[in-house]
């Protein structure tokens, strides 16, 4: 039933299960994204990280990550290098 709900867009898998689902499928079903917010959001999901967990690893506030993913503001130069290291893991 859970898979049917996912396929019917009635629910979404928990973020921590996404890496395992990608391994099971054998491919990444998420679009690559063209903008930094899209790339950051996709990379975070593929890695199975919540916004809070990503913020902790980048040493920023979770609302900062929310703002980046929403495209409300851009990361400063210091954070871009850290974000780049996260994106490289995908």
C-alpha atoms as a PDB file:
ATOM      1  CA  UNK A   1       0.000   0.000   0.000  1.00  0.00           C
ATOM      2  CA  UNK A   2       2.876   2.343   0.804  1.00  0.00           C
ATOM      3  CA  UNK A   3       4.356   1.993  -2.681  1.00  0.00           C
ATOM      4  CA  UNK A   4       0.920   2.571  -4.247  1.00  0.00           C
ATOM      5  CA  UNK A   5       0.595   5.778  -2.233  1.00  0.00           C
ATOM      6  CA  UNK A   6       4.050   6.903  -3.409  1.00  0.00           C
ATOM      7  CA  UNK A   7       3.233   6.107  -7.026  1.00  0.00           C
ATOM      8  CA  UNK A   8      -0.104   7.917  -6.750  1.00  0.00           C
ATOM      9  CA  UNK A   9       1.534  10.971  -5.165  1.00  0.00           C
ATOM     10  CA  UNK A  10      -0.631  10.511  -2.082  1.00  0.00           C
ATOM     11  CA  UNK A  11       2.443  10.375   0.137  1.00  0.00           C
ATOM     12  CA  UNK A  12       6.215  10.581  -0.126  1.00  0.00           C
ATOM     13  CA  UNK A  13       8.874   8.320   1.334  1.00  0.00           C
ATOM     14  CA  UNK A  14      10.718   9.546   4.393  1.00  0.00           C
ATOM     15  CA  UNK A  15      13.901  11.357   3.369  1.00  0.00           C
ATOM     16  CA  UNK A  16      16.119   8.808   5.111  1.00  0.00           C
ATOM     17  CA  UNK A  17      14.777   6.030   2.834  1.00  0.00           C
ATOM     18  CA  UNK A  18      15.487   7.824  -0.446  1.00  0.00           C
ATOM     19  CA  UNK A  19      19.135   6.670  -0.830  1.00  0.00           C
ATOM     20  CA  UNK A  20      18.007   3.051  -0.358  1.00  0.00           C
ATOM     21  CA  UNK A  21      15.158   3.491  -2.841  1.00  0.00           C
ATOM     22  CA  UNK A  22      17.600   4.919  -5.410  1.00  0.00           C
ATOM     23  CA  UNK A  23      19.934   1.945  -4.898  1.00  0.00           C
ATOM     24  CA  UNK A  24      17.002  -0.453  -5.277  1.00  0.00           C
ATOM     25  CA  UNK A  25      15.776   1.236  -8.468  1.00  0.00           C
ATOM     26  CA  UNK A  26      19.278   1.424  -9.893  1.00  0.00           C
ATOM     27  CA  UNK A  27      18.816   5.033 -10.969  1.00  0.00           C
ATOM     28  CA  UNK A  28      18.019   8.454  -9.548  1.00  0.00           C
ATOM     29  CA  UNK A  29      14.395   9.382 -10.361  1.00  0.00           C
ATOM     30  CA  UNK A  30      14.846  13.014  -9.338  1.00  0.00           C
ATOM     31  CA  UNK A  31      15.347  15.634 -12.047  1.00  0.00           C
ATOM     32  CA  UNK A  32      18.891  17.027 -12.099  1.00  0.00           C
ATOM     33  CA  UNK A  33      17.705  20.624 -11.763  1.00  0.00           C
ATOM     34  CA  UNK A  34      19.164  23.622 -13.467  1.00  0.00           C
ATOM     35  CA  UNK A  35      19.330  26.230 -10.729  1.00  0.00           C
ATOM     36  CA  UNK A  36      21.328  26.140  -7.513  1.00  0.00           C
ATOM     37  CA  UNK A  37      18.165  25.792  -5.373  1.00  0.00           C
ATOM     38  CA  UNK A  38      16.990  22.833  -7.487  1.00  0.00           C
ATOM     39  CA  UNK A  39      20.416  21.185  -7.441  1.00  0.00           C
ATOM     40  CA  UNK A  40      20.788  21.686  -3.703  1.00  0.00           C
ATOM     41  CA  UNK A  41      17.330  20.273  -2.963  1.00  0.00           C
ATOM     42  CA  UNK A  42      17.894  17.244  -5.190  1.00  0.00           C
ATOM     43  CA  UNK A  43      21.357  16.566  -3.738  1.00  0.00           C
ATOM     44  CA  UNK A  44      20.015  16.796  -0.197  1.00  0.00           C
ATOM     45  CA  UNK A  45      17.221  14.327  -0.958  1.00  0.00           C
ATOM     46  CA  UNK A  46      19.513  11.898  -2.788  1.00  0.00           C
ATOM     47  CA  UNK A  47      21.830  11.914   0.226  1.00  0.00           C
ATOM     48  CA  UNK A  48      18.865  11.312   2.537  1.00  0.00           C
ATOM     49  CA  UNK A  49      19.428  14.496   4.533  1.00  0.00           C
ATOM     50  CA  UNK A  50      16.816  16.738   6.073  1.00  0.00           C
ATOM     51  CA  UNK A  51      17.280  20.489   5.798  1.00  0.00           C
ATOM     52  CA  UNK A  52      18.251  20.490   9.464  1.00  0.00           C
ATOM     53  CA  UNK A  53      20.917  17.808   8.932  1.00  0.00           C
ATOM     54  CA  UNK A  54      22.330  19.589   5.891  1.00  0.00           C
ATOM     55  CA  UNK A  55      22.417  22.863   7.814  1.00  0.00           C
ATOM     56  CA  UNK A  56      24.312  21.185  10.639  1.00  0.00           C
ATOM     57  CA  UNK A  57      26.915  19.755   8.250  1.00  0.00           C
ATOM     58  CA  UNK A  58      27.320  23.168   6.579  1.00  0.00           C
ATOM     59  CA  UNK A  59      27.359  24.958   9.952  1.00  0.00           C
ATOM     60  CA  UNK A  60      24.477  27.253   9.067  1.00  0.00           C
ATOM     61  CA  UNK A  61      20.996  27.764  10.464  1.00  0.00           C
ATOM     62  CA  UNK A  62      18.263  25.491   9.032  1.00  0.00           C
ATOM     63  CA  UNK A  63      16.289  28.546   7.917  1.00  0.00           C
ATOM     64  CA  UNK A  64      19.293  29.506   5.791  1.00  0.00           C
ATOM     65  CA  UNK A  65      19.087  26.196   3.917  1.00  0.00           C
ATOM     66  CA  UNK A  66      15.335  26.718   3.525  1.00  0.00           C
ATOM     67  CA  UNK A  67      16.002  30.134   2.005  1.00  0.00           C
ATOM     68  CA  UNK A  68      18.594  28.746  -0.404  1.00  0.00           C
ATOM     69  CA  UNK A  69      16.297  25.948  -1.550  1.00  0.00           C
ATOM     70  CA  UNK A  70      13.386  28.352  -1.972  1.00  0.00           C
ATOM     71  CA  UNK A  71      15.595  30.723  -3.955  1.00  0.00           C
ATOM     72  CA  UNK A  72      14.925  33.602  -1.550  1.00  0.00           C
ATOM     73  CA  UNK A  73      18.633  34.294  -1.152  1.00  0.00           C
ATOM     74  CA  UNK A  74      21.991  33.039  -2.376  1.00  0.00           C
ATOM     75  CA  UNK A  75      24.746  31.511  -0.282  1.00  0.00           C
ATOM     76  CA  UNK A  76      27.827  33.557   0.514  1.00  0.00           C
ATOM     77  CA  UNK A  77      31.184  32.553  -0.980  1.00  0.00           C
ATOM     78  CA  UNK A  78      32.311  30.678   2.146  1.00  0.00           C
ATOM     79  CA  UNK A  79      29.213  28.475   1.999  1.00  0.00           C
ATOM     80  CA  UNK A  80      29.427  27.872  -1.755  1.00  0.00           C
ATOM     81  CA  UNK A  81      32.570  25.762  -1.304  1.00  0.00           C
ATOM     82  CA  UNK A  82      30.857  23.670   1.362  1.00  0.00           C
ATOM     83  CA  UNK A  83      27.757  23.291  -0.816  1.00  0.00           C
ATOM     84  CA  UNK A  84      29.995  22.237  -3.701  1.00  0.00           C
ATOM     85  CA  UNK A  85      31.429  19.448  -1.585  1.00  0.00           C
ATOM     86  CA  UNK A  86      27.908  18.236  -0.827  1.00  0.00           C
ATOM     87  CA  UNK A  87      26.876  18.358  -4.493  1.00  0.00           C
ATOM     88  CA  UNK A  88      29.984  16.373  -5.465  1.00  0.00           C
ATOM     89  CA  UNK A  89      28.814  13.441  -3.329  1.00  0.00           C
ATOM     90  CA  UNK A  90      25.786  12.941  -5.558  1.00  0.00           C
END
